PDB file of N, CA and C in Angstrom:
ATOM      1  N   MET A   1      11.958   1.397  -2.643  1.00  0.00           N
ATOM      2  CA  MET A   1      12.173   0.966  -4.338  1.00  0.00           C
ATOM      3  C   MET A   1      12.663  -0.594  -4.466  1.00  0.00           C
ATOM      4  N   LYS A   2      13.962  -0.767  -4.319  1.00  0.00           N
ATOM      5  CA  LYS A   2      13.795  -1.819  -4.295  1.00  0.00           C
ATOM      6  C   LYS A   2      13.094  -3.324  -4.513  1.00  0.00           C
ATOM      7  N   ARG A   3      11.715  -3.155  -4.408  1.00  0.00           N
ATOM      8  CA  ARG A   3      10.818  -4.021  -3.764  1.00  0.00           C
ATOM      9  C   ARG A   3       9.866  -4.283  -5.456  1.00  0.00           C
ATOM     10  N   ARG A   4      10.126  -3.217  -6.683  1.00  0.00           N
ATOM     11  CA  ARG A   4       9.076  -3.027  -7.238  1.00  0.00           C
ATOM     12  C   ARG A   4       9.794  -4.021  -8.092  1.00  0.00           C
ATOM     13  N   PRO A   5      11.334  -4.116  -8.522  1.00  0.00           N
ATOM     14  CA  PRO A   5      11.496  -5.195  -9.395  1.00  0.00           C
ATOM     15  C   PRO A   5      11.643  -6.824  -8.892  1.00  0.00           C
ATOM     16  N   LEU A   6      11.423  -6.846  -7.610  1.00  0.00           N
ATOM     17  CA  LEU A   6      11.638  -8.033  -7.147  1.00  0.00           C
ATOM     18  C   LEU A   6      10.033  -8.257  -7.374  1.00  0.00           C
ATOM     19  N   GLN A   7       9.132  -7.208  -7.064  1.00  0.00           N
ATOM     20  CA  GLN A   7       7.824  -7.873  -7.358  1.00  0.00           C
ATOM     21  C   GLN A   7       7.398  -8.072  -8.569  1.00  0.00           C
ATOM     22  N   PHE A   8       7.467  -7.120  -9.443  1.00  0.00           N
ATOM     23  CA  PHE A   8       7.438  -7.431 -11.063  1.00  0.00           C
ATOM     24  C   PHE A   8       8.350  -8.492 -11.575  1.00  0.00           C
ATOM     25  N   VAL A   9       9.232  -9.440 -10.770  1.00  0.00           N
ATOM     26  CA  VAL A   9      10.048 -10.753 -11.209  1.00  0.00           C
ATOM     27  C   VAL A   9       8.692 -11.234 -10.795  1.00  0.00           C
ATOM     28  N   MET A  10       8.597 -11.177  -9.112  1.00  0.00           N
ATOM     29  CA  MET A  10       7.324 -12.219  -8.598  1.00  0.00           C
ATOM     30  C   MET A  10       6.714 -12.477  -9.617  1.00  0.00           C
ATOM     31  N   ALA A  11       5.881 -11.499  -9.866  1.00  0.00           N
ATOM     32  CA  ALA A  11       3.818 -11.640 -10.711  1.00  0.00           C
ATOM     33  C   ALA A  11       4.406 -11.956 -11.701  1.00  0.00           C
ATOM     34  N   TRP A  12       5.492 -11.651 -12.682  1.00  0.00           N
ATOM     35  CA  TRP A  12       6.254 -12.279 -14.004  1.00  0.00           C
ATOM     36  C   TRP A  12       5.970 -14.145 -13.485  1.00  0.00           C
ATOM     37  N   ALA A  13       6.720 -14.149 -12.823  1.00  0.00           N
ATOM     38  CA  ALA A  13       7.102 -15.875 -12.992  1.00  0.00           C
ATOM     39  C   ALA A  13       5.613 -16.310 -12.253  1.00  0.00           C
ATOM     40  N   LEU A  14       4.854 -15.805 -11.653  1.00  0.00           N
ATOM     41  CA  LEU A  14       3.590 -16.518 -11.181  1.00  0.00           C
ATOM     42  C   LEU A  14       2.938 -16.661 -12.285  1.00  0.00           C
ATOM     43  N   SER A  15       3.015 -15.530 -13.476  1.00  0.00           N
ATOM     44  CA  SER A  15       2.053 -16.100 -14.526  1.00  0.00           C
ATOM     45  C   SER A  15       2.670 -17.032 -14.927  1.00  0.00           C
ATOM     46  N   VAL A  16       3.919 -16.851 -15.862  1.00  0.00           N
ATOM     47  CA  VAL A  16       4.444 -17.660 -16.429  1.00  0.00           C
ATOM     48  C   VAL A  16       4.189 -18.879 -15.585  1.00  0.00           C
ATOM     49  N   VAL A  17       4.133 -19.385 -14.480  1.00  0.00           N
ATOM     50  CA  VAL A  17       4.497 -20.912 -14.452  1.00  0.00           C
ATOM     51  C   VAL A  17       3.021 -20.952 -13.699  1.00  0.00           C
ATOM     52  N   THR A  18       2.422 -21.613 -14.703  1.00  0.00           N
ATOM     53  CA  THR A  18       0.782 -21.897 -14.260  1.00  0.00           C
ATOM     54  C   THR A  18       0.257 -23.711 -14.474  1.00  0.00           C
ATOM     55  N   GLN A  19       0.985 -23.829 -14.684  1.00  0.00           N
ATOM     56  CA  GLN A  19       0.827 -25.593 -14.573  1.00  0.00           C
ATOM     57  C   GLN A  19      -0.305 -25.802 -13.625  1.00  0.00           C
ATOM     58  N   SER A  20      -1.444 -27.118 -14.647  1.00  0.00           N
ATOM     59  CA  SER A  20      -2.432 -27.246 -13.964  1.00  0.00           C
ATOM     60  C   SER A  20      -2.144 -27.928 -12.138  1.00  0.00           C
ATOM     61  N   ASP A  21      -1.265 -29.128 -11.762  1.00  0.00           N
ATOM     62  CA  ASP A  21      -0.990 -29.461 -10.722  1.00  0.00           C
ATOM     63  C   ASP A  21      -0.757 -28.378  -9.273  1.00  0.00           C
ATOM     64  N   ARG A  22      -0.268 -27.159 -10.050  1.00  0.00           N
ATOM     65  CA  ARG A  22       0.746 -26.345  -9.303  1.00  0.00           C
ATOM     66  C   ARG A  22      -0.244 -25.707  -8.723  1.00  0.00           C
ATOM     67  N   TRP A  23      -1.807 -24.934  -9.539  1.00  0.00           N
ATOM     68  CA  TRP A  23      -2.422 -24.222  -9.105  1.00  0.00           C
ATOM     69  C   TRP A  23      -3.535 -24.555  -8.786  1.00  0.00           C
ATOM     70  N   VAL A  24      -4.432 -24.500  -8.073  1.00  0.00           N
ATOM     71  CA  VAL A  24      -5.142 -25.765  -6.991  1.00  0.00           C
ATOM     72  C   VAL A  24      -6.448 -24.637  -7.119  1.00  0.00           C
ATOM     73  N   PRO A  25      -7.932 -24.616  -8.188  1.00  0.00           N
ATOM     74  CA  PRO A  25      -8.941 -23.969  -8.348  1.00  0.00           C
ATOM     75  C   PRO A  25      -9.340 -24.140  -7.036  1.00  0.00           C
ATOM     76  N   VAL A  26     -10.505 -23.097  -5.767  1.00  0.00           N
ATOM     77  CA  VAL A  26     -10.161 -22.517  -4.993  1.00  0.00           C
ATOM     78  C   VAL A  26     -11.694 -22.038  -4.871  1.00  0.00           C
ATOM     79  N   GLY A  27     -12.029 -21.016  -6.001  1.00  0.00           N
ATOM     80  CA  GLY A  27     -13.792 -20.998  -5.992  1.00  0.00           C
ATOM     81  C   GLY A  27     -13.360 -19.353  -6.961  1.00  0.00           C
ATOM     82  N   GLY A  28     -14.621 -19.034  -6.647  1.00  0.00           N
ATOM     83  CA  GLY A  28     -14.816 -17.626  -7.283  1.00  0.00           C
ATOM     84  C   GLY A  28     -16.094 -17.637  -7.654  1.00  0.00           C
ATOM     85  N   SER A  29     -16.456 -16.228  -8.615  1.00  0.00           N
ATOM     86  CA  SER A  29     -17.218 -16.305  -9.385  1.00  0.00           C
ATOM     87  C   SER A  29     -17.306 -16.290 -10.728  1.00  0.00           C
ATOM     88  N   HIS A  30     -18.011 -17.672 -11.704  1.00  0.00           N
ATOM     89  CA  HIS A  30     -18.218 -17.961 -13.130  1.00  0.00           C
ATOM     90  C   HIS A  30     -17.532 -16.388 -14.342  1.00  0.00           C
ATOM     91  N   ASN A  31     -18.504 -16.052 -13.562  1.00  0.00           N
ATOM     92  CA  ASN A  31     -18.631 -14.699 -14.572  1.00  0.00           C
ATOM     93  C   ASN A  31     -17.530 -13.630 -14.279  1.00  0.00           C
ATOM     94  N   GLU A  32     -17.058 -13.658 -13.056  1.00  0.00           N
ATOM     95  CA  GLU A  32     -16.152 -12.422 -12.805  1.00  0.00           C
ATOM     96  C   GLU A  32     -14.894 -12.859 -12.362  1.00  0.00           C
ATOM     97  N   TYR A  33     -14.152 -13.859 -11.599  1.00  0.00           N
ATOM     98  CA  TYR A  33     -12.913 -13.884 -11.476  1.00  0.00           C
ATOM     99  C   TYR A  33     -13.011 -15.391 -11.251  1.00  0.00           C
ATOM    100  N   GLN A  34     -11.849 -15.984 -10.762  1.00  0.00           N
ATOM    101  CA  GLN A  34     -11.673 -17.441 -10.274  1.00  0.00           C
ATOM    102  C   GLN A  34     -10.182 -17.399  -9.483  1.00  0.00           C
ATOM    103  N   ASP A  35     -10.629 -17.920  -8.436  1.00  0.00           N
ATOM    104  CA  ASP A  35      -9.065 -17.881  -6.966  1.00  0.00           C
ATOM    105  C   ASP A  35      -8.831 -18.999  -7.054  1.00  0.00           C
ATOM    106  N   HIS A  36      -7.610 -19.115  -7.672  1.00  0.00           N
ATOM    107  CA  HIS A  36      -6.084 -20.661  -7.267  1.00  0.00           C
ATOM    108  C   HIS A  36      -5.099 -20.374  -5.780  1.00  0.00           C
ATOM    109  N   LEU A  37      -5.080 -21.179  -5.284  1.00  0.00           N
ATOM    110  CA  LEU A  37      -3.632 -21.072  -4.589  1.00  0.00           C
ATOM    111  C   LEU A  37      -2.506 -21.860  -4.942  1.00  0.00           C
ATOM    112  N   ASP A  38      -1.155 -21.518  -4.676  1.00  0.00           N
ATOM    113  CA  ASP A  38      -0.016 -22.382  -5.689  1.00  0.00           C
ATOM    114  C   ASP A  38       0.427 -23.129  -4.670  1.00  0.00           C
ATOM    115  N   GLN A  39       0.151 -24.210  -4.769  1.00  0.00           N
ATOM    116  CA  GLN A  39       0.868 -25.513  -3.789  1.00  0.00           C
ATOM    117  C   GLN A  39       1.931 -25.519  -3.612  1.00  0.00           C
ATOM    118  N   GLU A  40       3.199 -25.645  -4.826  1.00  0.00           N
ATOM    119  CA  GLU A  40       4.115 -24.768  -4.151  1.00  0.00           C
ATOM    120  C   GLU A  40       4.995 -23.928  -3.526  1.00  0.00           C
ATOM    121  N   SER A  41       3.999 -22.875  -3.307  1.00  0.00           N
ATOM    122  CA  SER A  41       4.602 -21.985  -1.727  1.00  0.00           C
ATOM    123  C   SER A  41       3.958 -22.207  -0.937  1.00  0.00           C
ATOM    124  N   LEU A  42       3.040 -22.986  -0.852  1.00  0.00           N
ATOM    125  CA  LEU A  42       3.086 -23.763   1.135  1.00  0.00           C
ATOM    126  C   LEU A  42       4.567 -23.828   2.110  1.00  0.00           C
ATOM    127  N   LYS A  43       4.172 -22.810   2.915  1.00  0.00           N
ATOM    128  CA  LYS A  43       5.451 -22.458   3.629  1.00  0.00           C
ATOM    129  C   LYS A  43       4.527 -22.516   5.103  1.00  0.00           C
ATOM    130  N   ARG A  44       4.859 -24.206   5.883  1.00  0.00           N
ATOM    131  CA  ARG A  44       4.208 -24.059   7.491  1.00  0.00           C
ATOM    132  C   ARG A  44       5.201 -23.466   8.885  1.00  0.00           C
ATOM    133  N   SER A  45       4.791 -22.703   9.332  1.00  0.00           N
ATOM    134  CA  SER A  45       5.718 -22.711  10.383  1.00  0.00           C
ATOM    135  C   SER A  45       4.342 -22.523  11.923  1.00  0.00           C
ATOM    136  N   GLY A  46       4.672 -24.121  12.835  1.00  0.00           N
ATOM    137  CA  GLY A  46       4.088 -24.117  13.459  1.00  0.00           C
ATOM    138  C   GLY A  46       2.318 -23.791  13.364  1.00  0.00           C
ATOM    139  N   ASN A  47       2.233 -23.016  13.447  1.00  0.00           N
ATOM    140  CA  ASN A  47       0.265 -23.003  13.552  1.00  0.00           C
ATOM    141  C   ASN A  47       0.059 -22.781  12.380  1.00  0.00           C
ATOM    142  N   LYS A  48       1.134 -21.788  12.080  1.00  0.00           N
ATOM    143  CA  LYS A  48       0.531 -20.816  10.540  1.00  0.00           C
ATOM    144  C   LYS A  48       1.171 -21.295   8.719  1.00  0.00           C
ATOM    145  N   VAL A  49       0.230 -21.000   8.162  1.00  0.00           N
ATOM    146  CA  VAL A  49       0.961 -21.640   6.660  1.00  0.00           C
ATOM    147  C   VAL A  49       0.755 -20.366   5.316  1.00  0.00           C
ATOM    148  N   THR A  50       2.438 -19.561   5.131  1.00  0.00           N
ATOM    149  CA  THR A  50       2.245 -19.120   4.556  1.00  0.00           C
ATOM    150  C   THR A  50       2.175 -19.845   3.039  1.00  0.00           C
ATOM    151  N   LEU A  51       1.146 -18.867   2.155  1.00  0.00           N
ATOM    152  CA  LEU A  51       1.427 -19.435   0.595  1.00  0.00           C
ATOM    153  C   LEU A  51       0.639 -17.930  -0.172  1.00  0.00           C
ATOM    154  N   TRP A  52       0.714 -18.221  -1.905  1.00  0.00           N
ATOM    155  CA  TRP A  52       0.579 -17.256  -2.930  1.00  0.00           C
ATOM    156  C   TRP A  52      -1.408 -17.481  -3.319  1.00  0.00           C
ATOM    157  N   THR A  53      -1.837 -16.677  -3.321  1.00  0.00           N
ATOM    158  CA  THR A  53      -3.377 -17.136  -4.083  1.00  0.00           C
ATOM    159  C   THR A  53      -3.336 -16.102  -5.516  1.00  0.00           C
ATOM    160  N   ARG A  54      -3.851 -16.553  -6.844  1.00  0.00           N
ATOM    161  CA  ARG A  54      -4.039 -16.276  -7.849  1.00  0.00           C
ATOM    162  C   ARG A  54      -5.342 -15.468  -8.237  1.00  0.00           C
ATOM    163  N   ARG A  55      -6.031 -14.381  -8.630  1.00  0.00           N
ATOM    164  CA  ARG A  55      -7.269 -14.605  -8.637  1.00  0.00           C
ATOM    165  C   ARG A  55      -7.223 -14.008 -10.459  1.00  0.00           C
ATOM    166  N   ASP A  56      -7.535 -14.106 -11.654  1.00  0.00           N
ATOM    167  CA  ASP A  56      -8.095 -14.087 -12.596  1.00  0.00           C
ATOM    168  C   ASP A  56      -9.097 -13.774 -13.332  1.00  0.00           C
ATOM    169  N   PHE A  57      -9.298 -12.831 -13.444  1.00  0.00           N
ATOM    170  CA  PHE A  57     -10.641 -11.656 -13.216  1.00  0.00           C
ATOM    171  C   PHE A  57     -11.323 -12.096 -14.966  1.00  0.00           C
ATOM    172  N   VAL A  58     -11.847 -12.514 -15.240  1.00  0.00           N
ATOM    173  CA  VAL A  58     -13.009 -13.369 -16.901  1.00  0.00           C
ATOM    174  C   VAL A  58     -12.387 -12.669 -17.726  1.00  0.00           C
ATOM    175  N   THR A  59     -13.579 -11.214 -17.011  1.00  0.00           N
ATOM    176  CA  THR A  59     -13.859 -10.576 -18.675  1.00  0.00           C
ATOM    177  C   THR A  59     -12.854  -9.467 -18.498  1.00  0.00           C
ATOM    178  N   GLN A  60     -11.794  -8.927 -17.780  1.00  0.00           N
ATOM    179  CA  GLN A  60     -10.851  -8.007 -17.952  1.00  0.00           C
ATOM    180  C   GLN A  60      -9.544  -9.022 -18.524  1.00  0.00           C
ATOM    181  N   GLN A  61      -8.687  -8.094 -18.580  1.00  0.00           N
ATOM    182  CA  GLN A  61      -6.884  -8.509 -18.232  1.00  0.00           C
ATOM    183  C   GLN A  61      -6.007  -8.119 -17.427  1.00  0.00           C
ATOM    184  N   ARG A  62      -6.762  -8.828 -15.992  1.00  0.00           N
ATOM    185  CA  ARG A  62      -6.304  -8.435 -14.668  1.00  0.00           C
ATOM    186  C   ARG A  62      -5.756  -9.733 -14.541  1.00  0.00           C
ATOM    187  N   THR A  63      -4.974  -9.847 -13.649  1.00  0.00           N
ATOM    188  CA  THR A  63      -4.144 -10.339 -12.509  1.00  0.00           C
ATOM    189  C   THR A  63      -4.315 -10.214 -11.028  1.00  0.00           C
ATOM    190  N   ALA A  64      -4.630 -10.867  -9.936  1.00  0.00           N
ATOM    191  CA  ALA A  64      -4.206 -10.044  -8.784  1.00  0.00           C
ATOM    192  C   ALA A  64      -3.383 -11.566  -8.394  1.00  0.00           C
ATOM    193  N   TRP A  65      -2.467 -11.385  -7.394  1.00  0.00           N
ATOM    194  CA  TRP A  65      -1.621 -12.132  -6.601  1.00  0.00           C
ATOM    195  C   TRP A  65      -1.646 -12.058  -5.367  1.00  0.00           C
ATOM    196  N   ASN A  66      -2.170 -12.730  -4.166  1.00  0.00           N
ATOM    197  CA  ASN A  66      -1.791 -12.165  -2.502  1.00  0.00           C
ATOM    198  C   ASN A  66      -0.942 -13.485  -1.760  1.00  0.00           C
ATOM    199  N   GLU A  67      -0.373 -13.197  -1.418  1.00  0.00           N
ATOM    200  CA  GLU A  67       0.682 -13.687  -0.616  1.00  0.00           C
ATOM    201  C   GLU A  67       0.070 -13.595   0.601  1.00  0.00           C
ATOM    202  N   ILE A  68      -0.764 -14.798   1.777  1.00  0.00           N
ATOM    203  CA  ILE A  68      -1.662 -14.979   2.760  1.00  0.00           C
ATOM    204  C   ILE A  68      -0.712 -15.644   3.788  1.00  0.00           C
ATOM    205  N   GLU A  69      -1.131 -15.315   4.832  1.00  0.00           N
ATOM    206  CA  GLU A  69      -0.900 -16.159   6.146  1.00  0.00           C
ATOM    207  C   GLU A  69      -1.811 -16.759   6.783  1.00  0.00           C
ATOM    208  N   VAL A  70      -2.131 -17.456   7.009  1.00  0.00           N
ATOM    209  CA  VAL A  70      -3.242 -18.487   7.258  1.00  0.00           C
ATOM    210  C   VAL A  70      -3.130 -18.854   8.487  1.00  0.00           C
ATOM    211  N   ASP A  71      -3.657 -17.935  10.065  1.00  0.00           N
ATOM    212  CA  ASP A  71      -3.603 -18.899  11.227  1.00  0.00           C
ATOM    213  C   ASP A  71      -4.768 -20.022  11.525  1.00  0.00           C
ATOM    214  N   CYS A  72      -3.915 -21.384  11.826  1.00  0.00           N
ATOM    215  CA  CYS A  72      -4.761 -22.395  11.164  1.00  0.00           C
ATOM    216  C   CYS A  72      -5.763 -22.499  12.859  1.00  0.00           C
ATOM    217  N   ALA A  73      -4.210 -21.760  14.102  1.00  0.00           N
ATOM    218  CA  ALA A  73      -4.967 -21.547  15.250  1.00  0.00           C
ATOM    219  C   ALA A  73      -6.202 -21.246  15.916  1.00  0.00           C
ATOM    220  N   ARG A  74      -6.527 -20.242  14.854  1.00  0.00           N
ATOM    221  CA  ARG A  74      -6.907 -19.219  15.288  1.00  0.00           C
ATOM    222  C   ARG A  74      -8.416 -18.702  13.712  1.00  0.00           C
ATOM    223  N   LYS A  75      -8.092 -19.612  12.943  1.00  0.00           N
ATOM    224  CA  LYS A  75      -9.299 -19.269  11.779  1.00  0.00           C
ATOM    225  C   LYS A  75      -9.055 -17.883  11.323  1.00  0.00           C
ATOM    226  N   TRP A  76      -7.644 -17.601  10.793  1.00  0.00           N
ATOM    227  CA  TRP A  76      -8.090 -16.709  10.679  1.00  0.00           C
ATOM    228  C   TRP A  76      -6.613 -16.197   9.272  1.00  0.00           C
ATOM    229  N   ASP A  77      -7.104 -15.106   8.542  1.00  0.00           N
ATOM    230  CA  ASP A  77      -5.778 -14.725   7.547  1.00  0.00           C
ATOM    231  C   ASP A  77      -5.363 -13.458   8.002  1.00  0.00           C
ATOM    232  N   THR A  78      -3.936 -13.185   7.392  1.00  0.00           N
ATOM    233  CA  THR A  78      -3.922 -11.898   6.910  1.00  0.00           C
ATOM    234  C   THR A  78      -3.066 -11.467   5.143  1.00  0.00           C
ATOM    235  N   ILE A  79      -3.414 -10.422   4.542  1.00  0.00           N
ATOM    236  CA  ILE A  79      -2.580 -11.027   3.062  1.00  0.00           C
ATOM    237  C   ILE A  79      -1.517  -9.900   3.624  1.00  0.00           C
ATOM    238  N   LEU A  80      -0.753 -10.518   3.304  1.00  0.00           N
ATOM    239  CA  LEU A  80       0.799  -9.781   3.196  1.00  0.00           C
ATOM    240  C   LEU A  80       1.445  -8.866   2.025  1.00  0.00           C
ATOM    241  N   ALA A  81       1.756  -9.240   0.875  1.00  0.00           N
ATOM    242  CA  ALA A  81       1.581  -8.524  -0.183  1.00  0.00           C
ATOM    243  C   ALA A  81       0.759  -8.762  -1.119  1.00  0.00           C
ATOM    244  N   TYR A  82       1.060  -7.993  -1.767  1.00  0.00           N
ATOM    245  CA  TYR A  82       0.034  -7.887  -3.145  1.00  0.00           C
ATOM    246  C   TYR A  82       0.306  -7.324  -4.276  1.00  0.00           C
ATOM    247  N   VAL A  83       0.413  -7.709  -5.491  1.00  0.00           N
ATOM    248  CA  VAL A  83       0.864  -8.054  -6.965  1.00  0.00           C
ATOM    249  C   VAL A  83      -0.426  -8.053  -7.668  1.00  0.00           C
ATOM    250  N   GLN A  84      -0.400  -6.861  -8.952  1.00  0.00           N
ATOM    251  CA  GLN A  84      -1.781  -7.009  -9.511  1.00  0.00           C
ATOM    252  C   GLN A  84      -0.998  -6.657 -11.225  1.00  0.00           C
ATOM    253  N   ASP A  85      -1.360  -7.461 -11.752  1.00  0.00           N
ATOM    254  CA  ASP A  85      -0.877  -7.201 -13.343  1.00  0.00           C
ATOM    255  C   ASP A  85      -2.752  -7.008 -13.970  1.00  0.00           C
ATOM    256  N   ASP A  86      -2.605  -5.779 -14.704  1.00  0.00           N
ATOM    257  CA  ASP A  86      -3.251  -5.098 -14.902  1.00  0.00           C
ATOM    258  C   ASP A  86      -3.985  -4.578 -16.202  1.00  0.00           C
ATOM    259  N   ALA A  87      -3.401  -5.683 -17.610  1.00  0.00           N
ATOM    260  CA  ALA A  87      -3.289  -5.715 -19.082  1.00  0.00           C
ATOM    261  C   ALA A  87      -1.138  -5.323 -18.953  1.00  0.00           C
ATOM    262  N   GLY A  88      -0.688  -5.297 -17.959  1.00  0.00           N
ATOM    263  CA  GLY A  88       0.740  -5.511 -18.509  1.00  0.00           C
ATOM    264  C   GLY A  88       0.751  -4.201 -17.583  1.00  0.00           C
ATOM    265  N   VAL A  89       0.593  -3.480 -16.664  1.00  0.00           N
ATOM    266  CA  VAL A  89       0.831  -2.557 -15.902  1.00  0.00           C
ATOM    267  C   VAL A  89       0.472  -2.891 -14.404  1.00  0.00           C
ATOM    268  N   ILE A  90       1.692  -3.061 -13.699  1.00  0.00           N
ATOM    269  CA  ILE A  90       2.123  -4.069 -12.391  1.00  0.00           C
ATOM    270  C   ILE A  90       1.841  -2.895 -11.773  1.00  0.00           C
ATOM    271  N   SER A  91       1.232  -3.220 -10.689  1.00  0.00           N
ATOM    272  CA  SER A  91       1.195  -2.685  -9.496  1.00  0.00           C
ATOM    273  C   SER A  91       0.887  -3.325  -8.067  1.00  0.00           C
ATOM    274  N   HIS A  92       2.223  -2.544  -7.102  1.00  0.00           N
ATOM    275  CA  HIS A  92       1.630  -4.020  -5.668  1.00  0.00           C
ATOM    276  C   HIS A  92       1.638  -2.705  -4.596  1.00  0.00           C
ATOM    277  N   ASN A  93       1.634  -3.207  -3.267  1.00  0.00           N
ATOM    278  CA  ASN A  93       2.060  -2.726  -2.207  1.00  0.00           C
ATOM    279  C   ASN A  93       3.112  -2.457  -1.767  1.00  0.00           C
ATOM    280  N   VAL A  94       3.684  -1.331  -0.850  1.00  0.00           N
ATOM    281  CA  VAL A  94       4.799  -2.124  -0.429  1.00  0.00           C
ATOM    282  C   VAL A  94       4.660  -1.529   1.076  1.00  0.00           C
ATOM    283  N   VAL A  95       3.602  -1.451   1.554  1.00  0.00           N
ATOM    284  CA  VAL A  95       3.218  -1.786   2.909  1.00  0.00           C
ATOM    285  C   VAL A  95       3.287  -3.020   3.688  1.00  0.00           C
ATOM    286  N   ARG A  96       3.842  -3.993   4.400  1.00  0.00           N
ATOM    287  CA  ARG A  96       3.521  -4.980   4.986  1.00  0.00           C
ATOM    288  C   ARG A  96       2.806  -4.903   6.141  1.00  0.00           C
ATOM    289  N   PRO A  97       1.577  -5.439   6.662  1.00  0.00           N
ATOM    290  CA  PRO A  97       1.229  -6.607   5.897  1.00  0.00           C
ATOM    291  C   PRO A  97      -0.094  -5.327   5.236  1.00  0.00           C
ATOM    292  N   HIS A  98      -0.355  -5.891   4.205  1.00  0.00           N
ATOM    293  CA  HIS A  98      -1.117  -5.684   3.110  1.00  0.00           C
ATOM    294  C   HIS A  98      -2.654  -4.786   3.989  1.00  0.00           C
ATOM    295  N   ARG A  99      -3.224  -5.873   4.162  1.00  0.00           N
ATOM    296  CA  ARG A  99      -4.207  -6.101   5.088  1.00  0.00           C
ATOM    297  C   ARG A  99      -3.866  -7.125   6.545  1.00  0.00           C
ATOM    298  N   GLY A 100      -4.642  -6.496   7.645  1.00  0.00           N
ATOM    299  CA  GLY A 100      -4.308  -7.064   9.083  1.00  0.00           C
ATOM    300  C   GLY A 100      -5.068  -7.883   8.601  1.00  0.00           C
ATOM    301  N   SER A 101      -5.080  -8.814   9.793  1.00  0.00           N
ATOM    302  CA  SER A 101      -5.441 -10.333  10.524  1.00  0.00           C
ATOM    303  C   SER A 101      -7.036 -10.143  10.851  1.00  0.00           C
ATOM    304  N   THR A 102      -7.734 -11.127  10.535  1.00  0.00           N
ATOM    305  CA  THR A 102      -9.520 -10.872  10.078  1.00  0.00           C
ATOM    306  C   THR A 102      -9.465 -12.417  10.216  1.00  0.00           C
ATOM    307  N   ALA A 103     -10.740 -12.838  10.973  1.00  0.00           N
ATOM    308  CA  ALA A 103     -11.465 -13.718  10.524  1.00  0.00           C
ATOM    309  C   ALA A 103     -12.028 -14.427   9.211  1.00  0.00           C
ATOM    310  N   ILE A 104     -11.655 -15.424   9.563  1.00  0.00           N
ATOM    311  CA  ILE A 104     -11.998 -16.104   7.919  1.00  0.00           C
ATOM    312  C   ILE A 104     -13.350 -16.919   7.636  1.00  0.00           C
ATOM    313  N   PRO A 105     -14.121 -15.864   7.628  1.00  0.00           N
ATOM    314  CA  PRO A 105     -15.684 -16.228   6.994  1.00  0.00           C
ATOM    315  C   PRO A 105     -15.988 -17.821   6.307  1.00  0.00           C
ATOM    316  N   PRO A 106     -17.030 -17.918   7.010  1.00  0.00           N
ATOM    317  CA  PRO A 106     -18.277 -19.008   6.689  1.00  0.00           C
ATOM    318  C   PRO A 106     -18.444 -19.185   5.298  1.00  0.00           C
ATOM    319  N   ASN A 107     -17.610 -20.611   4.349  1.00  0.00           N
ATOM    320  CA  ASN A 107     -18.471 -20.457   2.931  1.00  0.00           C
ATOM    321  C   ASN A 107     -17.722 -19.413   2.174  1.00  0.00           C
ATOM    322  N   SER A 108     -17.053 -19.463   2.646  1.00  0.00           N
ATOM    323  CA  SER A 108     -15.551 -18.302   1.621  1.00  0.00           C
ATOM    324  C   SER A 108     -14.222 -18.797   0.794  1.00  0.00           C
ATOM    325  N   VAL A 109     -13.705 -18.427  -0.201  1.00  0.00           N
ATOM    326  CA  VAL A 109     -12.526 -18.806  -0.259  1.00  0.00           C
ATOM    327  C   VAL A 109     -12.163 -18.534   0.320  1.00  0.00           C
ATOM    328  N   GLY A 110     -11.508 -18.012   1.268  1.00  0.00           N
ATOM    329  CA  GLY A 110     -11.074 -17.999   2.419  1.00  0.00           C
ATOM    330  C   GLY A 110     -11.438 -19.485   3.414  1.00  0.00           C
ATOM    331  N   GLU A 111     -12.269 -19.779   3.646  1.00  0.00           N
ATOM    332  CA  GLU A 111     -12.441 -21.123   3.797  1.00  0.00           C
ATOM    333  C   GLU A 111     -12.305 -21.925   3.286  1.00  0.00           C
ATOM    334  N   ARG A 112     -12.623 -21.785   2.205  1.00  0.00           N
ATOM    335  CA  ARG A 112     -11.810 -23.624   0.968  1.00  0.00           C
ATOM    336  C   ARG A 112      -9.702 -23.359   1.566  1.00  0.00           C
ATOM    337  N   ILE A 113      -9.620 -22.222   1.591  1.00  0.00           N
ATOM    338  CA  ILE A 113      -8.379 -22.118   1.533  1.00  0.00           C
ATOM    339  C   ILE A 113      -7.911 -22.880   2.713  1.00  0.00           C
ATOM    340  N   TYR A 114      -7.793 -22.166   4.030  1.00  0.00           N
ATOM    341  CA  TYR A 114      -8.640 -22.724   5.229  1.00  0.00           C
ATOM    342  C   TYR A 114      -8.301 -24.409   5.377  1.00  0.00           C
ATOM    343  N   ASP A 115      -9.316 -25.041   4.667  1.00  0.00           N
ATOM    344  CA  ASP A 115      -9.644 -26.437   4.646  1.00  0.00           C
ATOM    345  C   ASP A 115      -8.528 -27.188   4.066  1.00  0.00           C
ATOM    346  N   LEU A 116      -7.567 -26.779   3.332  1.00  0.00           N
ATOM    347  CA  LEU A 116      -6.867 -27.306   2.104  1.00  0.00           C
ATOM    348  C   LEU A 116      -5.487 -27.190   2.720  1.00  0.00           C
ATOM    349  N   VAL A 117      -5.362 -26.412   3.182  1.00  0.00           N
ATOM    350  CA  VAL A 117      -4.320 -25.930   3.847  1.00  0.00           C
ATOM    351  C   VAL A 117      -3.496 -25.861   5.473  1.00  0.00           C
ATOM    352  N   CYS A 118      -5.182 -26.192   6.529  1.00  0.00           N
ATOM    353  CA  CYS A 118      -4.540 -26.539   7.961  1.00  0.00           C
ATOM    354  C   CYS A 118      -5.052 -28.124   7.935  1.00  0.00           C
ATOM    355  N   ARG A 119      -6.168 -28.279   7.133  1.00  0.00           N
ATOM    356  CA  ARG A 119      -6.544 -30.078   7.990  1.00  0.00           C
ATOM    357  C   ARG A 119      -5.610 -31.295   7.080  1.00  0.00           C
TER     358      ARG A 119
END
């Protein structure tokens, strides 16, 4: 339960700090959502890079953030944490990782993120 205040503060901080130079658009669906990566959150350790992404849903009052670890050597990613603000109601996962490692599909937002942080 100690994570709830931290996750809430993280979601609030990420939503407040939205400078255009910090959040880089990486794709999405113009009618449904837009994805961004947080350049200031990038941390490299060997062949792995961790970062936060933000998904803004166009037709809904909802934003989701994922903390992602990208394995540049294998071209895989793992969702470490998930936080969502759904019209002011904050929800998040308490199990890490949120989603286990999977191969990054070609022509995906994941591949755009991989291209930006691994090359």
